[in-house]
Amino acid sequence: MPLWGTTHDSAANKPKWLPNDADSPYDKTKVYATESGWVARGAATGNGNADADPEILVAIGGLAGATASIGLKHPTMSNYRIVTSTAHGASNNIVFEITWDESVTYTAGSAATLLLTAGAGSNVTATATHLNAVALADGGTGNTLRFTATSSQATTYDLANNVAMGNRADLSDTISTTALELASGRFTSAVKTAVGYSTITIA
């Protein structure tokens, strides 16, 4: 079995040894593709400089793809993680993150949104607030987008099959500058399985 992949639409391309662990400097959400190969951002670079060049884990020239027709072509969602799911009654009690295998840029306009379908009661809309843990701002780049929502009821919330990210055209592939395409922001059943999706439960 290959230790990493380069298939343009696969969620499983990242190096296989990476843990799915927010506390690890090599957490899989901190690894993404550039034109140099698979790289790790943050603490894995070996210093405390947030602006340090990412560490190259696997050197593959042109991996990300300078255009939308070569390399990985388009950012592919590769991970889903629930950060907060506290009891209802408090603001922003739902927080989750979506990670891509490439960097995306918030160009300008409106923050991305995702509709959360309630098991009972009213649906809620989650809105993007941070990119790589930095408050969303024009020109910001990163591969992990954080969404926040508020639930006023005890129930479960799901991303329904085929629900698509709203305002995704205000995000673009950082390298090719192509606006985020439908496939990069739609949660098909297959995508949900591939990224490790789970239901959000609110007490």
N, C-alpha and C. Protein backbone atom coordinates (compact mmCIF):
# COMPACT_ATOMS: atom_id res chain seq x y z
N MET A 1 0.85 -1.20 0.00
CA MET A 1 0.00 0.00 0.00
C MET A 1 0.89 1.24 0.00
N PRO A 2 0.64 2.20 -0.89
CA PRO A 2 1.45 3.42 -0.93
C PRO A 2 1.35 4.19 0.39
N LEU A 3 2.42 4.90 0.73
CA LEU A 3 2.45 5.66 1.98
C LEU A 3 1.78 7.02 1.84
N TRP A 4 1.48 7.43 0.61
CA TRP A 4 0.74 8.66 0.35
C TRP A 4 0.17 8.56 -1.05
N GLY A 5 -0.71 9.48 -1.39
CA GLY A 5 -1.35 9.41 -2.70
C GLY A 5 -1.27 10.73 -3.45
N THR A 6 -1.65 10.67 -4.73
CA THR A 6 -1.67 11.88 -5.57
C THR A 6 -2.92 11.91 -6.46
N THR A 7 -3.90 11.05 -6.17
CA THR A 7 -5.13 11.05 -6.96
C THR A 7 -5.88 12.34 -6.69
N HIS A 8 -6.27 13.06 -7.74
CA HIS A 8 -6.73 14.44 -7.57
C HIS A 8 -8.00 14.59 -6.75
N ASP A 9 -8.85 13.57 -6.68
CA ASP A 9 -10.12 13.74 -5.97
C ASP A 9 -10.27 12.80 -4.78
N SER A 10 -9.14 12.33 -4.25
CA SER A 10 -9.19 11.41 -3.11
C SER A 10 -8.97 12.14 -1.79
N ALA A 11 -9.75 11.78 -0.78
CA ALA A 11 -9.59 12.36 0.55
C ALA A 11 -8.51 11.65 1.34
N ALA A 12 -7.93 10.59 0.78
CA ALA A 12 -6.98 9.76 1.52
C ALA A 12 -5.55 9.90 1.01
N ASN A 13 -5.22 11.02 0.41
CA ASN A 13 -3.89 11.19 -0.19
C ASN A 13 -2.79 11.52 0.81
N LYS A 14 -3.15 12.11 1.92
CA LYS A 14 -2.12 12.57 2.85
C LYS A 14 -1.30 11.38 3.37
N PRO A 15 -0.03 11.62 3.76
CA PRO A 15 0.79 10.53 4.29
C PRO A 15 0.06 9.72 5.35
N LYS A 16 0.13 8.40 5.21
CA LYS A 16 -0.68 7.51 6.04
C LYS A 16 -0.27 7.47 7.50
N TRP A 17 0.94 7.92 7.82
CA TRP A 17 1.41 7.84 9.20
C TRP A 17 0.91 9.00 10.07
N LEU A 18 0.23 9.97 9.48
CA LEU A 18 -0.21 11.14 10.22
C LEU A 18 -1.35 10.78 11.17
N PRO A 19 -1.29 11.21 12.44
CA PRO A 19 -2.38 10.92 13.38
C PRO A 19 -3.54 11.91 13.19
N ASN A 20 -4.73 11.46 13.55
CA ASN A 20 -5.90 12.35 13.59
C ASN A 20 -6.03 12.80 15.04
N ASP A 21 -5.14 13.72 15.43
CA ASP A 21 -4.99 14.10 16.83
C ASP A 21 -4.67 15.59 16.91
N ALA A 22 -5.61 16.38 17.42
CA ALA A 22 -5.42 17.83 17.47
C ALA A 22 -4.22 18.24 18.30
N ASP A 23 -3.76 17.39 19.21
CA ASP A 23 -2.63 17.72 20.08
C ASP A 23 -1.27 17.37 19.48
N SER A 24 -1.28 16.70 18.35
CA SER A 24 -0.02 16.30 17.73
C SER A 24 0.47 17.38 16.76
N PRO A 25 1.79 17.69 16.75
CA PRO A 25 2.30 18.66 15.78
C PRO A 25 2.16 18.15 14.34
N TYR A 26 1.96 16.84 14.19
CA TYR A 26 1.77 16.27 12.86
C TYR A 26 0.33 15.80 12.65
N ASP A 27 -0.59 16.43 13.37
CA ASP A 27 -2.01 16.16 13.16
C ASP A 27 -2.31 16.29 11.67
N LYS A 28 -3.11 15.37 11.13
CA LYS A 28 -3.36 15.34 9.70
C LYS A 28 -4.01 16.62 9.18
N THR A 29 -4.70 17.37 10.06
CA THR A 29 -5.32 18.60 9.59
C THR A 29 -4.29 19.71 9.34
N LYS A 30 -3.08 19.55 9.89
CA LYS A 30 -2.03 20.55 9.72
C LYS A 30 -1.15 20.26 8.51
N VAL A 31 -1.49 19.21 7.77
CA VAL A 31 -0.71 18.82 6.59
C VAL A 31 -1.53 19.07 5.33
N TYR A 32 -0.88 19.64 4.33
CA TYR A 32 -1.58 19.96 3.08
C TYR A 32 -0.58 19.95 1.93
N ALA A 33 -1.11 20.04 0.72
CA ALA A 33 -0.27 19.97 -0.48
C ALA A 33 0.10 21.36 -0.97
N THR A 34 1.36 21.51 -1.36
CA THR A 34 1.83 22.72 -2.04
C THR A 34 2.50 22.28 -3.33
N GLU A 35 3.11 23.21 -4.01
CA GLU A 35 3.86 22.86 -5.22
C GLU A 35 5.17 22.15 -4.88
N SER A 36 5.51 22.08 -3.60
CA SER A 36 6.73 21.38 -3.17
C SER A 36 6.44 19.96 -2.71
N GLY A 37 5.17 19.66 -2.39
CA GLY A 37 4.81 18.33 -1.91
C GLY A 37 3.89 18.42 -0.71
N TRP A 38 3.88 17.35 0.10
CA TRP A 38 3.09 17.34 1.32
C TRP A 38 3.87 18.06 2.41
N VAL A 39 3.26 19.08 3.01
CA VAL A 39 3.97 19.89 4.00
C VAL A 39 3.15 19.98 5.28
N ALA A 40 3.83 20.28 6.39
CA ALA A 40 3.18 20.46 7.69
C ALA A 40 3.39 21.89 8.16
N ARG A 41 2.33 22.49 8.66
CA ARG A 41 2.40 23.86 9.19
C ARG A 41 2.41 23.82 10.72
N GLY A 42 2.74 24.95 11.32
CA GLY A 42 2.65 25.07 12.77
C GLY A 42 3.85 24.51 13.50
N ALA A 43 3.58 23.88 14.64
CA ALA A 43 4.66 23.43 15.53
C ALA A 43 5.61 22.45 14.87
N ALA A 44 5.14 21.75 13.84
CA ALA A 44 6.00 20.77 13.18
C ALA A 44 7.18 21.41 12.49
N THR A 45 7.13 22.73 12.28
CA THR A 45 8.26 23.39 11.62
C THR A 45 9.47 23.48 12.53
N GLY A 46 9.28 23.25 13.82
CA GLY A 46 10.42 23.22 14.75
C GLY A 46 10.70 24.53 15.43
N ASN A 47 9.88 25.55 15.21
CA ASN A 47 10.08 26.80 15.93
C ASN A 47 8.73 27.45 16.20
N GLY A 48 8.75 28.52 16.97
CA GLY A 48 7.51 29.18 17.37
C GLY A 48 7.04 30.26 16.43
N ASN A 49 7.70 30.42 15.29
CA ASN A 49 7.34 31.46 14.34
C ASN A 49 6.16 31.01 13.49
N ALA A 50 5.03 31.67 13.68
CA ALA A 50 3.83 31.27 12.94
C ALA A 50 3.98 31.47 11.45
N ASP A 51 4.92 32.33 11.04
CA ASP A 51 5.13 32.62 9.62
C ASP A 51 6.26 31.79 9.00
N ALA A 52 6.77 30.83 9.76
CA ALA A 52 7.86 30.00 9.24
C ALA A 52 7.38 29.17 8.06
N ASP A 53 8.30 28.88 7.15
CA ASP A 53 7.95 28.03 6.01
C ASP A 53 7.52 26.66 6.53
N PRO A 54 6.52 26.06 5.92
CA PRO A 54 6.09 24.73 6.38
C PRO A 54 7.17 23.68 6.14
N GLU A 55 7.16 22.67 6.98
CA GLU A 55 8.11 21.57 6.85
C GLU A 55 7.68 20.64 5.72
N ILE A 56 8.58 20.33 4.81
CA ILE A 56 8.26 19.41 3.71
C ILE A 56 8.40 17.98 4.23
N LEU A 57 7.29 17.25 4.22
CA LEU A 57 7.29 15.86 4.67
C LEU A 57 7.57 14.90 3.53
N VAL A 58 6.98 15.18 2.37
CA VAL A 58 7.18 14.36 1.18
C VAL A 58 7.36 15.31 0.00
N ALA A 59 8.53 15.31 -0.61
CA ALA A 59 8.81 16.22 -1.72
C ALA A 59 8.23 15.66 -3.02
N ILE A 60 7.25 16.38 -3.58
CA ILE A 60 6.64 16.01 -4.87
C ILE A 60 6.43 17.30 -5.64
N GLY A 61 7.26 17.57 -6.60
CA GLY A 61 7.16 18.80 -7.36
C GLY A 61 5.82 18.92 -8.09
N GLY A 62 5.16 20.07 -7.95
CA GLY A 62 3.92 20.32 -8.67
C GLY A 62 2.72 19.58 -8.10
N LEU A 63 2.80 19.11 -6.86
CA LEU A 63 1.73 18.29 -6.30
C LEU A 63 0.38 19.01 -6.30
N ALA A 64 0.34 20.22 -5.78
CA ALA A 64 -0.94 20.92 -5.66
C ALA A 64 -1.54 21.25 -7.02
N GLY A 65 -0.68 21.61 -7.97
CA GLY A 65 -1.16 21.95 -9.30
C GLY A 65 -1.30 23.45 -9.49
N ALA A 66 -0.52 24.01 -10.40
CA ALA A 66 -0.53 25.45 -10.63
C ALA A 66 -1.80 25.91 -11.33
N THR A 67 -2.51 24.99 -11.96
CA THR A 67 -3.79 25.29 -12.60
C THR A 67 -4.81 24.25 -12.16
N ALA A 68 -6.05 24.45 -12.55
CA ALA A 68 -7.12 23.55 -12.16
C ALA A 68 -7.15 22.26 -12.97
N SER A 69 -6.16 22.05 -13.83
CA SER A 69 -6.15 20.85 -14.67
C SER A 69 -4.93 19.96 -14.45
N ILE A 70 -4.06 20.32 -13.51
CA ILE A 70 -2.88 19.49 -13.25
C ILE A 70 -2.73 19.28 -11.75
N GLY A 71 -1.87 18.33 -11.35
CA GLY A 71 -1.66 18.03 -9.95
C GLY A 71 -2.94 17.57 -9.27
N LEU A 72 -3.16 18.02 -8.05
CA LEU A 72 -4.39 17.67 -7.34
C LEU A 72 -5.59 18.45 -7.86
N LYS A 73 -5.36 19.42 -8.71
CA LYS A 73 -6.40 20.18 -9.43
C LYS A 73 -7.21 21.10 -8.53
N HIS A 74 -7.99 20.55 -7.63
CA HIS A 74 -8.87 21.34 -6.77
C HIS A 74 -8.73 20.87 -5.33
N PRO A 75 -8.93 21.76 -4.35
CA PRO A 75 -8.92 21.32 -2.96
C PRO A 75 -10.00 20.26 -2.71
N THR A 76 -9.63 19.19 -2.03
CA THR A 76 -10.56 18.11 -1.69
C THR A 76 -10.71 18.06 -0.18
N MET A 77 -11.95 18.01 0.31
CA MET A 77 -12.15 17.90 1.75
C MET A 77 -11.54 16.58 2.24
N SER A 78 -10.79 16.65 3.32
CA SER A 78 -10.08 15.46 3.81
C SER A 78 -10.34 15.15 5.28
N ASN A 79 -10.96 16.09 6.01
CA ASN A 79 -11.20 15.81 7.43
C ASN A 79 -12.33 16.68 7.97
N TYR A 80 -13.09 16.09 8.89
CA TYR A 80 -14.17 16.77 9.60
C TYR A 80 -13.95 16.54 11.09
N ARG A 81 -14.04 17.59 11.87
CA ARG A 81 -13.79 17.43 13.31
C ARG A 81 -14.74 18.32 14.10
N ILE A 82 -15.45 17.73 15.07
CA ILE A 82 -16.28 18.50 15.99
C ILE A 82 -15.38 19.05 17.09
N VAL A 83 -15.41 20.36 17.28
CA VAL A 83 -14.58 21.02 18.29
C VAL A 83 -15.38 21.26 19.57
N THR A 84 -16.62 21.73 19.41
CA THR A 84 -17.49 22.03 20.55
C THR A 84 -18.91 21.57 20.26
N SER A 85 -19.54 20.93 21.24
CA SER A 85 -20.95 20.56 21.13
C SER A 85 -21.55 20.59 22.53
N THR A 86 -21.56 21.78 23.13
CA THR A 86 -22.02 21.94 24.50
C THR A 86 -23.53 22.10 24.55
N ALA A 87 -24.07 22.04 25.76
CA ALA A 87 -25.52 22.09 25.95
C ALA A 87 -26.12 23.37 25.39
N HIS A 88 -27.36 23.27 24.96
CA HIS A 88 -28.04 24.43 24.38
C HIS A 88 -28.26 25.51 25.44
N GLY A 89 -28.45 26.73 24.97
CA GLY A 89 -28.65 27.85 25.88
C GLY A 89 -27.49 28.82 25.89
N ALA A 90 -26.35 28.42 25.34
CA ALA A 90 -25.18 29.30 25.26
C ALA A 90 -24.90 29.63 23.79
N SER A 91 -24.39 30.80 23.53
CA SER A 91 -24.06 31.20 22.16
C SER A 91 -22.88 30.38 21.64
N ASN A 92 -22.90 30.13 20.35
CA ASN A 92 -21.78 29.44 19.68
C ASN A 92 -21.46 28.10 20.33
N ASN A 93 -22.51 27.35 20.66
CA ASN A 93 -22.28 26.06 21.32
C ASN A 93 -22.00 24.92 20.36
N ILE A 94 -22.02 25.23 19.07
CA ILE A 94 -21.64 24.25 18.05
C ILE A 94 -20.44 24.81 17.27
N VAL A 95 -19.36 24.07 17.28
CA VAL A 95 -18.17 24.46 16.53
C VAL A 95 -17.59 23.21 15.87
N PHE A 96 -17.37 23.28 14.56
CA PHE A 96 -16.73 22.17 13.87
C PHE A 96 -15.82 22.71 12.78
N GLU A 97 -14.92 21.86 12.31
CA GLU A 97 -13.93 22.28 11.32
C GLU A 97 -13.94 21.36 10.11
N ILE A 98 -13.73 21.95 8.95
CA ILE A 98 -13.57 21.22 7.70
C ILE A 98 -12.16 21.49 7.19
N THR A 99 -11.45 20.43 6.84
CA THR A 99 -10.07 20.55 6.36
C THR A 99 -9.98 20.06 4.92
N TRP A 100 -9.22 20.80 4.10
CA TRP A 100 -8.94 20.40 2.73
C TRP A 100 -7.50 19.91 2.60
N ASP A 101 -7.22 19.26 1.48
CA ASP A 101 -5.85 18.78 1.25
C ASP A 101 -4.96 19.83 0.60
N GLU A 102 -5.53 21.01 0.31
CA GLU A 102 -4.77 22.15 -0.22
C GLU A 102 -5.19 23.41 0.51
N SER A 103 -4.40 24.44 0.39
CA SER A 103 -4.75 25.73 0.98
C SER A 103 -5.84 26.42 0.17
N VAL A 104 -6.75 27.08 0.89
CA VAL A 104 -7.76 27.91 0.24
C VAL A 104 -7.58 29.35 0.73
N THR A 105 -8.11 30.28 -0.05
CA THR A 105 -8.02 31.70 0.27
C THR A 105 -9.42 32.28 0.39
N TYR A 106 -9.64 33.05 1.44
CA TYR A 106 -10.90 33.80 1.54
C TYR A 106 -10.67 35.11 0.81
N THR A 107 -11.25 35.23 -0.35
CA THR A 107 -10.96 36.40 -1.20
C THR A 107 -11.64 37.65 -0.67
N ALA A 108 -12.93 37.60 -0.46
CA ALA A 108 -13.73 38.72 0.05
C ALA A 108 -15.18 38.33 -0.08
N GLY A 109 -16.07 39.15 0.46
CA GLY A 109 -17.49 38.88 0.29
C GLY A 109 -18.13 38.34 1.54
N SER A 110 -18.81 37.20 1.43
CA SER A 110 -19.55 36.62 2.54
C SER A 110 -18.90 35.34 3.03
N ALA A 111 -18.96 35.13 4.34
CA ALA A 111 -18.38 33.92 4.92
C ALA A 111 -19.16 32.69 4.47
N ALA A 112 -18.45 31.59 4.31
CA ALA A 112 -19.09 30.33 3.91
C ALA A 112 -20.09 29.90 4.98
N THR A 113 -21.13 29.19 4.54
CA THR A 113 -22.15 28.70 5.46
C THR A 113 -22.46 27.23 5.18
N LEU A 114 -22.99 26.54 6.18
CA LEU A 114 -23.47 25.16 6.03
C LEU A 114 -24.75 25.01 6.83
N LEU A 115 -25.76 24.44 6.22
CA LEU A 115 -27.03 24.20 6.90
C LEU A 115 -26.94 22.92 7.71
N LEU A 116 -27.27 23.02 9.00
CA LEU A 116 -27.32 21.86 9.88
C LEU A 116 -28.78 21.48 10.07
N THR A 117 -29.13 20.27 9.68
CA THR A 117 -30.51 19.80 9.77
C THR A 117 -30.76 19.19 11.14
N ALA A 118 -31.77 19.72 11.83
CA ALA A 118 -32.08 19.27 13.19
C ALA A 118 -32.88 17.98 13.17
N GLY A 119 -32.58 17.10 14.12
CA GLY A 119 -33.36 15.88 14.27
C GLY A 119 -34.78 16.18 14.73
N ALA A 120 -34.92 17.28 15.47
CA ALA A 120 -36.23 17.77 15.91
C ALA A 120 -36.12 19.27 16.09
N GLY A 121 -37.18 19.99 15.80
CA GLY A 121 -37.14 21.44 15.95
C GLY A 121 -36.54 22.13 14.74
N SER A 122 -35.94 23.28 14.97
CA SER A 122 -35.49 24.15 13.88
C SER A 122 -34.06 23.84 13.45
N ASN A 123 -33.83 23.93 12.14
CA ASN A 123 -32.48 23.83 11.62
C ASN A 123 -31.69 25.08 12.00
N VAL A 124 -30.37 24.97 11.95
CA VAL A 124 -29.52 26.14 12.20
C VAL A 124 -28.48 26.24 11.09
N THR A 125 -27.97 27.45 10.88
CA THR A 125 -26.93 27.68 9.89
C THR A 125 -25.60 27.92 10.59
N ALA A 126 -24.60 27.16 10.21
CA ALA A 126 -23.24 27.35 10.72
C ALA A 126 -22.50 28.28 9.77
N THR A 127 -21.77 29.23 10.32
CA THR A 127 -21.06 30.23 9.53
C THR A 127 -19.56 30.14 9.79
N ALA A 128 -18.76 30.24 8.74
CA ALA A 128 -17.30 30.20 8.89
C ALA A 128 -16.82 31.42 9.66
N THR A 129 -15.96 31.19 10.63
CA THR A 129 -15.44 32.27 11.46
C THR A 129 -13.92 32.36 11.46
N HIS A 130 -13.24 31.24 11.23
CA HIS A 130 -11.78 31.21 11.29
C HIS A 130 -11.20 30.34 10.19
N LEU A 131 -10.01 30.69 9.75
CA LEU A 131 -9.25 29.91 8.78
C LEU A 131 -7.88 29.66 9.38
N ASN A 132 -7.56 28.39 9.62
CA ASN A 132 -6.33 28.03 10.35
C ASN A 132 -6.24 28.78 11.68
N ALA A 133 -7.36 28.82 12.41
CA ALA A 133 -7.44 29.40 13.76
C ALA A 133 -7.27 30.91 13.79
N VAL A 134 -7.28 31.56 12.63
CA VAL A 134 -7.20 33.02 12.55
C VAL A 134 -8.56 33.54 12.09
N ALA A 135 -9.05 34.59 12.74
CA ALA A 135 -10.35 35.14 12.39
C ALA A 135 -10.41 35.45 10.89
N LEU A 136 -11.52 35.07 10.27
CA LEU A 136 -11.68 35.20 8.83
C LEU A 136 -11.50 36.66 8.40
N ALA A 137 -10.64 36.87 7.41
CA ALA A 137 -10.36 38.22 6.90
C ALA A 137 -10.01 38.12 5.43
N ASP A 138 -10.31 39.16 4.68
CA ASP A 138 -10.01 39.18 3.25
C ASP A 138 -8.54 38.84 3.00
N GLY A 139 -8.29 37.91 2.10
CA GLY A 139 -6.92 37.53 1.76
C GLY A 139 -6.33 36.46 2.66
N GLY A 140 -7.06 36.04 3.68
CA GLY A 140 -6.55 35.02 4.57
C GLY A 140 -6.44 33.67 3.88
N THR A 141 -5.44 32.87 4.24
CA THR A 141 -5.24 31.56 3.63
C THR A 141 -5.12 30.48 4.70
N GLY A 142 -5.44 29.25 4.32
CA GLY A 142 -5.31 28.12 5.23
C GLY A 142 -6.03 26.92 4.67
N ASN A 143 -5.92 25.79 5.34
CA ASN A 143 -6.58 24.59 4.84
C ASN A 143 -7.65 24.06 5.78
N THR A 144 -7.86 24.74 6.93
CA THR A 144 -8.89 24.32 7.87
C THR A 144 -9.83 25.49 8.17
N LEU A 145 -11.11 25.29 7.83
CA LEU A 145 -12.12 26.32 8.02
C LEU A 145 -13.01 25.95 9.20
N ARG A 146 -13.14 26.86 10.15
CA ARG A 146 -13.94 26.62 11.35
C ARG A 146 -15.33 27.23 11.17
N PHE A 147 -16.36 26.46 11.51
CA PHE A 147 -17.75 26.90 11.44
C PHE A 147 -18.34 26.95 12.85
N THR A 148 -19.21 27.94 13.07
CA THR A 148 -19.84 28.12 14.37
C THR A 148 -21.34 28.31 14.20
N ALA A 149 -22.11 27.74 15.13
CA ALA A 149 -23.56 27.91 15.12
C ALA A 149 -24.06 27.90 16.56
N THR A 150 -25.29 28.35 16.73
CA THR A 150 -25.92 28.37 18.05
C THR A 150 -27.21 27.57 18.02
N SER A 151 -27.34 26.64 18.95
CA SER A 151 -28.55 25.83 19.07
C SER A 151 -29.29 26.21 20.34
N SER A 152 -30.60 26.44 20.22
CA SER A 152 -31.41 26.77 21.39
C SER A 152 -32.26 25.59 21.85
N GLN A 153 -31.89 24.39 21.37
CA GLN A 153 -32.69 23.20 21.70
C GLN A 153 -31.80 21.99 21.86
N ALA A 154 -32.29 21.02 22.59
CA ALA A 154 -31.58 19.75 22.73
C ALA A 154 -32.01 18.83 21.60
N THR A 155 -31.09 18.51 20.73
CA THR A 155 -31.39 17.67 19.57
C THR A 155 -30.09 17.25 18.89
N THR A 156 -30.22 16.59 17.77
CA THR A 156 -29.05 16.26 16.96
C THR A 156 -29.05 17.12 15.71
N TYR A 157 -27.87 17.33 15.15
CA TYR A 157 -27.74 18.11 13.92
C TYR A 157 -26.88 17.33 12.94
N ASP A 158 -27.30 17.38 11.68
CA ASP A 158 -26.58 16.68 10.62
C ASP A 158 -26.37 17.56 9.41
N LEU A 159 -25.29 17.29 8.71
CA LEU A 159 -25.10 17.81 7.35
C LEU A 159 -25.78 16.80 6.44
N ALA A 160 -26.91 17.17 5.87
CA ALA A 160 -27.65 16.23 5.03
C ALA A 160 -26.83 15.83 3.81
N ASN A 161 -27.08 14.64 3.30
CA ASN A 161 -26.38 14.21 2.09
C ASN A 161 -26.59 15.22 0.97
N ASN A 162 -25.48 15.58 0.33
CA ASN A 162 -25.45 16.50 -0.81
C ASN A 162 -25.65 17.96 -0.44
N VAL A 163 -25.68 18.29 0.86
CA VAL A 163 -25.74 19.69 1.23
C VAL A 163 -24.44 20.35 0.75
N ALA A 164 -24.57 21.57 0.20
CA ALA A 164 -23.41 22.27 -0.36
C ALA A 164 -23.10 23.52 0.46
N MET A 165 -21.85 23.86 0.51
CA MET A 165 -21.39 25.03 1.24
C MET A 165 -21.89 26.30 0.56
N GLY A 166 -22.56 27.15 1.32
CA GLY A 166 -22.99 28.43 0.78
C GLY A 166 -21.83 29.41 0.70
N ASN A 167 -21.90 30.32 -0.26
CA ASN A 167 -20.88 31.36 -0.46
C ASN A 167 -19.49 30.78 -0.75
N ARG A 168 -19.45 29.57 -1.27
CA ARG A 168 -18.14 28.95 -1.51
C ARG A 168 -17.34 29.69 -2.58
N ALA A 169 -18.01 30.45 -3.45
CA ALA A 169 -17.29 31.19 -4.50
C ALA A 169 -16.43 32.30 -3.93
N ASP A 170 -16.63 32.62 -2.65
CA ASP A 170 -15.79 33.61 -2.00
C ASP A 170 -14.53 32.98 -1.41
N LEU A 171 -14.38 31.68 -1.64
CA LEU A 171 -13.15 30.95 -1.32
C LEU A 171 -12.52 30.49 -2.63
N SER A 172 -11.20 30.44 -2.67
CA SER A 172 -10.53 30.01 -3.90
C SER A 172 -9.35 29.12 -3.58
N ASP A 173 -8.94 28.35 -4.56
CA ASP A 173 -7.70 27.57 -4.47
C ASP A 173 -6.55 28.56 -4.38
N THR A 174 -5.78 28.50 -3.31
CA THR A 174 -4.72 29.49 -3.09
C THR A 174 -3.71 29.52 -4.23
N ILE A 175 -3.38 28.36 -4.78
CA ILE A 175 -2.33 28.30 -5.80
C ILE A 175 -2.87 28.64 -7.18
N SER A 176 -3.96 28.02 -7.60
CA SER A 176 -4.47 28.26 -8.95
C SER A 176 -5.37 29.50 -9.01
N THR A 177 -5.85 29.97 -7.85
CA THR A 177 -6.77 31.10 -7.70
C THR A 177 -8.16 30.82 -8.26
N THR A 178 -8.44 29.58 -8.62
CA THR A 178 -9.77 29.20 -9.12
C THR A 178 -10.76 29.20 -7.96
N ALA A 179 -11.94 29.78 -8.17
CA ALA A 179 -12.97 29.78 -7.13
C ALA A 179 -13.31 28.34 -6.75
N LEU A 180 -13.60 28.14 -5.48
CA LEU A 180 -13.90 26.80 -4.98
C LEU A 180 -15.08 26.22 -5.74
N GLU A 181 -14.88 25.04 -6.29
CA GLU A 181 -15.92 24.41 -7.10
C GLU A 181 -16.87 23.60 -6.23
N LEU A 182 -18.01 23.21 -6.82
CA LEU A 182 -19.05 22.51 -6.08
C LEU A 182 -18.51 21.27 -5.39
N ALA A 183 -17.70 20.48 -6.09
CA ALA A 183 -17.19 19.23 -5.53
C ALA A 183 -16.32 19.47 -4.30
N SER A 184 -15.74 20.66 -4.17
CA SER A 184 -14.88 20.97 -3.02
C SER A 184 -15.67 21.40 -1.80
N GLY A 185 -17.00 21.55 -1.96
CA GLY A 185 -17.79 22.02 -0.85
C GLY A 185 -19.12 21.32 -0.69
N ARG A 186 -19.27 20.15 -1.31
CA ARG A 186 -20.52 19.41 -1.21
C ARG A 186 -20.31 18.10 -0.44
N PHE A 187 -21.23 17.83 0.48
CA PHE A 187 -21.11 16.66 1.36
C PHE A 187 -21.96 15.51 0.84
N THR A 188 -21.45 14.83 -0.15
CA THR A 188 -22.12 13.61 -0.59
C THR A 188 -21.94 12.53 0.48
N SER A 189 -22.67 11.45 0.36
CA SER A 189 -22.53 10.35 1.30
C SER A 189 -21.10 9.83 1.31
N ALA A 190 -20.50 9.72 0.13
CA ALA A 190 -19.13 9.22 0.02
C ALA A 190 -18.13 10.18 0.67
N VAL A 191 -18.33 11.47 0.47
CA VAL A 191 -17.44 12.46 1.07
C VAL A 191 -17.54 12.40 2.59
N LYS A 192 -18.74 12.30 3.12
CA LYS A 192 -18.93 12.25 4.56
C LYS A 192 -18.20 11.05 5.17
N THR A 193 -18.28 9.91 4.51
CA THR A 193 -17.56 8.73 4.99
C THR A 193 -16.06 8.96 4.95
N ALA A 194 -15.58 9.55 3.87
CA ALA A 194 -14.13 9.74 3.67
C ALA A 194 -13.53 10.71 4.67
N VAL A 195 -14.28 11.72 5.08
CA VAL A 195 -13.71 12.73 5.97
C VAL A 195 -13.95 12.44 7.45
N GLY A 196 -14.64 11.34 7.75
CA GLY A 196 -14.87 10.97 9.14
C GLY A 196 -16.01 11.74 9.79
N TYR A 197 -17.04 11.99 9.00
CA TYR A 197 -18.19 12.76 9.49
C TYR A 197 -18.94 12.05 10.61
N SER A 198 -19.46 12.84 11.57
CA SER A 198 -20.33 12.30 12.61
C SER A 198 -21.38 13.33 12.98
N THR A 199 -22.49 12.86 13.53
CA THR A 199 -23.60 13.72 13.93
C THR A 199 -23.21 14.55 15.16
N ILE A 200 -23.73 15.78 15.21
CA ILE A 200 -23.52 16.65 16.36
C ILE A 200 -24.71 16.49 17.31
N THR A 201 -24.44 16.16 18.56
CA THR A 201 -25.50 15.96 19.54
C THR A 201 -25.44 17.06 20.60
N ILE A 202 -26.56 17.75 20.78
CA ILE A 202 -26.65 18.83 21.75
C ILE A 202 -27.62 18.45 22.86
N ALA A 203 -27.17 18.58 24.08
CA ALA A 203 -28.02 18.26 25.25
C ALA A 203 -28.87 19.45 25.64
